[in-house]
């Protein structure tokens, strides 16, 4: 994963079938100077993630046709998107569902209805963690090349 934040604004992909939730999230993220792309279902979200290589994905769990678990599984199995952090957005707050999401590779959960400050805080934390991991990978690769 190449973080666009290294050269531009961070890129967020929102995947949610709720136009109300999308509108609220779009307003929150746009106010934070982040680039934003939207998909209305898991299939479209998967294709956009492949094409756009976002820095982070906010993914609804319950969607028609392809749910968030299936979408997450496909994204984590794809070498092009496997490193992109995924935060689930869901009204389903059962522990079993959270554990299933984490086992598929999600980095966090945000419950619906969501709190605006919490969404921004979690997004920023995971963007920073991804950025640090990216720099660590570059440093490690450079050290390996120097030793070779």
Protein backbone atom coordinates (compact mmCIF):
# COMPACT_ATOMS: atom_id res chain seq x y z
CA UNK A 1 0.00 0.00 0.00
CA UNK A 2 1.32 3.43 -0.88
CA UNK A 3 -0.04 6.09 1.39
CA UNK A 4 -1.22 9.01 -0.65
CA UNK A 5 -0.71 11.09 2.52
CA UNK A 6 3.00 10.99 1.73
CA UNK A 7 2.41 13.26 -1.25
CA UNK A 8 -1.21 14.42 -1.00
CA UNK A 9 -4.34 14.26 1.11
CA UNK A 10 -5.25 10.88 2.61
CA UNK A 11 -7.77 8.90 0.59
CA UNK A 12 -10.81 7.29 2.24
CA UNK A 13 -13.22 4.87 0.57
CA UNK A 14 -16.71 4.73 2.11
CA UNK A 15 -18.70 1.59 1.35
CA UNK A 16 -22.26 1.79 2.67
CA UNK A 17 -25.75 1.33 1.23
CA UNK A 18 -27.30 3.92 3.57
CA UNK A 19 -27.45 7.30 1.87
CA UNK A 20 -28.11 8.94 5.26
CA UNK A 21 -24.95 7.47 6.80
CA UNK A 22 -22.95 8.24 3.66
CA UNK A 23 -24.03 11.87 3.72
CA UNK A 24 -23.01 12.27 7.38
CA UNK A 25 -19.67 10.53 6.85
CA UNK A 26 -18.95 12.53 3.71
CA UNK A 27 -19.50 15.79 5.60
CA UNK A 28 -17.23 14.65 8.45
CA UNK A 29 -14.41 13.52 6.20
CA UNK A 30 -14.61 16.43 3.78
CA UNK A 31 -14.20 18.81 6.72
CA UNK A 32 -10.88 17.07 7.55
CA UNK A 33 -9.31 17.63 4.13
CA UNK A 34 -9.30 14.01 3.10
CA UNK A 35 -10.03 12.75 -0.40
CA UNK A 36 -13.22 10.77 -0.48
CA UNK A 37 -14.69 8.09 -2.73
CA UNK A 38 -18.00 6.32 -2.24
CA UNK A 39 -19.44 2.93 -3.13
CA UNK A 40 -23.01 1.83 -2.42
CA UNK A 41 -22.38 -1.92 -2.14
CA UNK A 42 -19.60 -4.39 -1.48
CA UNK A 43 -19.02 -5.38 -5.10
CA UNK A 44 -18.65 -1.77 -6.25
CA UNK A 45 -16.51 -1.03 -3.19
CA UNK A 46 -14.18 -3.92 -3.96
CA UNK A 47 -13.67 -2.71 -7.55
CA UNK A 48 -13.12 0.89 -6.44
CA UNK A 49 -10.60 -0.22 -3.82
CA UNK A 50 -8.67 -2.14 -6.49
CA UNK A 51 -8.69 0.84 -8.80
CA UNK A 52 -8.12 3.67 -6.29
CA UNK A 53 -5.88 2.00 -3.67
CA UNK A 54 -7.28 4.09 -0.78
CA UNK A 55 -5.41 4.74 2.45
CA UNK A 56 -8.35 3.51 4.54
CA UNK A 57 -11.77 1.91 4.01
CA UNK A 58 -14.89 2.52 6.10
CA UNK A 59 -17.07 -0.51 5.39
CA UNK A 60 -20.68 -1.15 6.38
CA UNK A 61 -21.33 -4.68 7.56
CA UNK A 62 -24.93 -5.19 6.47
CA UNK A 63 -25.45 -4.52 2.76
CA UNK A 64 -27.47 -6.27 0.05
CA UNK A 65 -25.80 -8.59 -2.48
CA UNK A 66 -22.37 -8.68 -0.80
CA UNK A 67 -22.06 -8.02 2.93
CA UNK A 68 -19.12 -6.35 4.63
CA UNK A 69 -17.59 -9.67 5.73
CA UNK A 70 -17.45 -10.94 2.15
CA UNK A 71 -16.10 -7.64 0.92
CA UNK A 72 -13.42 -7.60 3.63
CA UNK A 73 -12.43 -11.19 2.81
CA UNK A 74 -12.00 -10.34 -0.88
CA UNK A 75 -10.01 -7.18 -0.10
CA UNK A 76 -7.67 -9.02 2.27
CA UNK A 77 -7.12 -11.83 -0.27
CA UNK A 78 -6.11 -9.36 -2.98
CA UNK A 79 -2.39 -8.42 -2.93
CA UNK A 80 -3.25 -4.95 -4.19
CA UNK A 81 -5.64 -4.15 -1.30
CA UNK A 82 -4.62 -6.46 1.54
CA UNK A 83 -2.66 -3.79 3.44
CA UNK A 84 -5.44 -1.18 3.37
CA UNK A 85 -6.88 -0.73 6.90
CA UNK A 86 -10.60 -1.54 7.10
CA UNK A 87 -12.88 -0.13 9.78
CA UNK A 88 -16.32 -1.71 9.98
CA UNK A 89 -19.35 0.56 10.45
CA UNK A 90 -22.27 -1.37 11.85
CA UNK A 91 -25.34 -1.37 14.04
CA UNK A 92 -24.50 -5.03 14.80
CA UNK A 93 -22.54 -4.76 18.02
CA UNK A 94 -22.48 -8.43 18.99
CA UNK A 95 -19.07 -9.61 20.18
CA UNK A 96 -19.15 -12.60 17.80
CA UNK A 97 -19.52 -10.33 14.77
CA UNK A 98 -16.70 -8.09 15.95
CA UNK A 99 -14.42 -11.07 16.45
CA UNK A 100 -15.35 -12.40 13.00
CA UNK A 101 -14.49 -9.00 11.48
CA UNK A 102 -11.14 -8.87 13.27
CA UNK A 103 -10.35 -12.44 12.17
CA UNK A 104 -10.96 -11.35 8.56
CA UNK A 105 -8.50 -8.48 8.92
CA UNK A 106 -10.52 -5.46 10.02
CA UNK A 107 -8.55 -3.07 12.24
CA UNK A 108 -11.49 -1.53 14.10
CA UNK A 109 -15.25 -1.21 14.52
CA UNK A 110 -17.46 1.85 14.83
CA UNK A 111 -20.99 1.27 16.06
CA UNK A 112 -24.03 2.90 14.50
CA UNK A 113 -25.36 5.34 15.29
CA UNK A 114 -21.88 6.79 15.34
CA UNK A 115 -20.38 9.77 17.11
CA UNK A 116 -18.67 12.23 14.76
CA UNK A 117 -15.67 12.80 17.04
CA UNK A 118 -15.14 9.07 17.48
CA UNK A 119 -15.23 8.45 13.72
CA UNK A 120 -12.61 11.15 13.06
CA UNK A 121 -10.44 9.98 15.97
CA UNK A 122 -10.45 6.36 14.80
CA UNK A 123 -9.84 7.28 11.16
CA UNK A 124 -6.90 9.50 12.12
CA UNK A 125 -5.42 6.86 14.44
CA UNK A 126 -5.51 4.19 11.74
CA UNK A 127 -4.17 6.52 9.05
CA UNK A 128 -1.25 7.38 11.37
CA UNK A 129 -0.61 3.71 12.18
CA UNK A 130 -0.64 2.83 8.47
CA UNK A 131 1.74 5.71 7.74
CA UNK A 132 4.13 4.53 10.47
CA UNK A 133 4.00 0.98 9.12
CA UNK A 134 4.71 2.27 5.62
CA UNK A 135 7.79 4.18 6.84
CA UNK A 136 8.96 1.15 8.84
CA UNK A 137 8.66 -1.03 5.72
CA UNK A 138 10.68 1.47 3.68
CA UNK A 139 13.35 1.67 6.38
CA UNK A 140 13.52 -2.13 6.65
CA UNK A 141 13.80 -2.51 2.88
CA UNK A 142 16.58 0.08 2.75
CA UNK A 143 18.45 -1.67 5.58
CA UNK A 144 18.14 -5.00 3.77
CA UNK A 145 19.49 -3.48 0.57
CA UNK A 146 22.41 -1.90 2.44
CA UNK A 147 23.32 -5.24 4.03
CA UNK A 148 23.15 -7.13 0.72
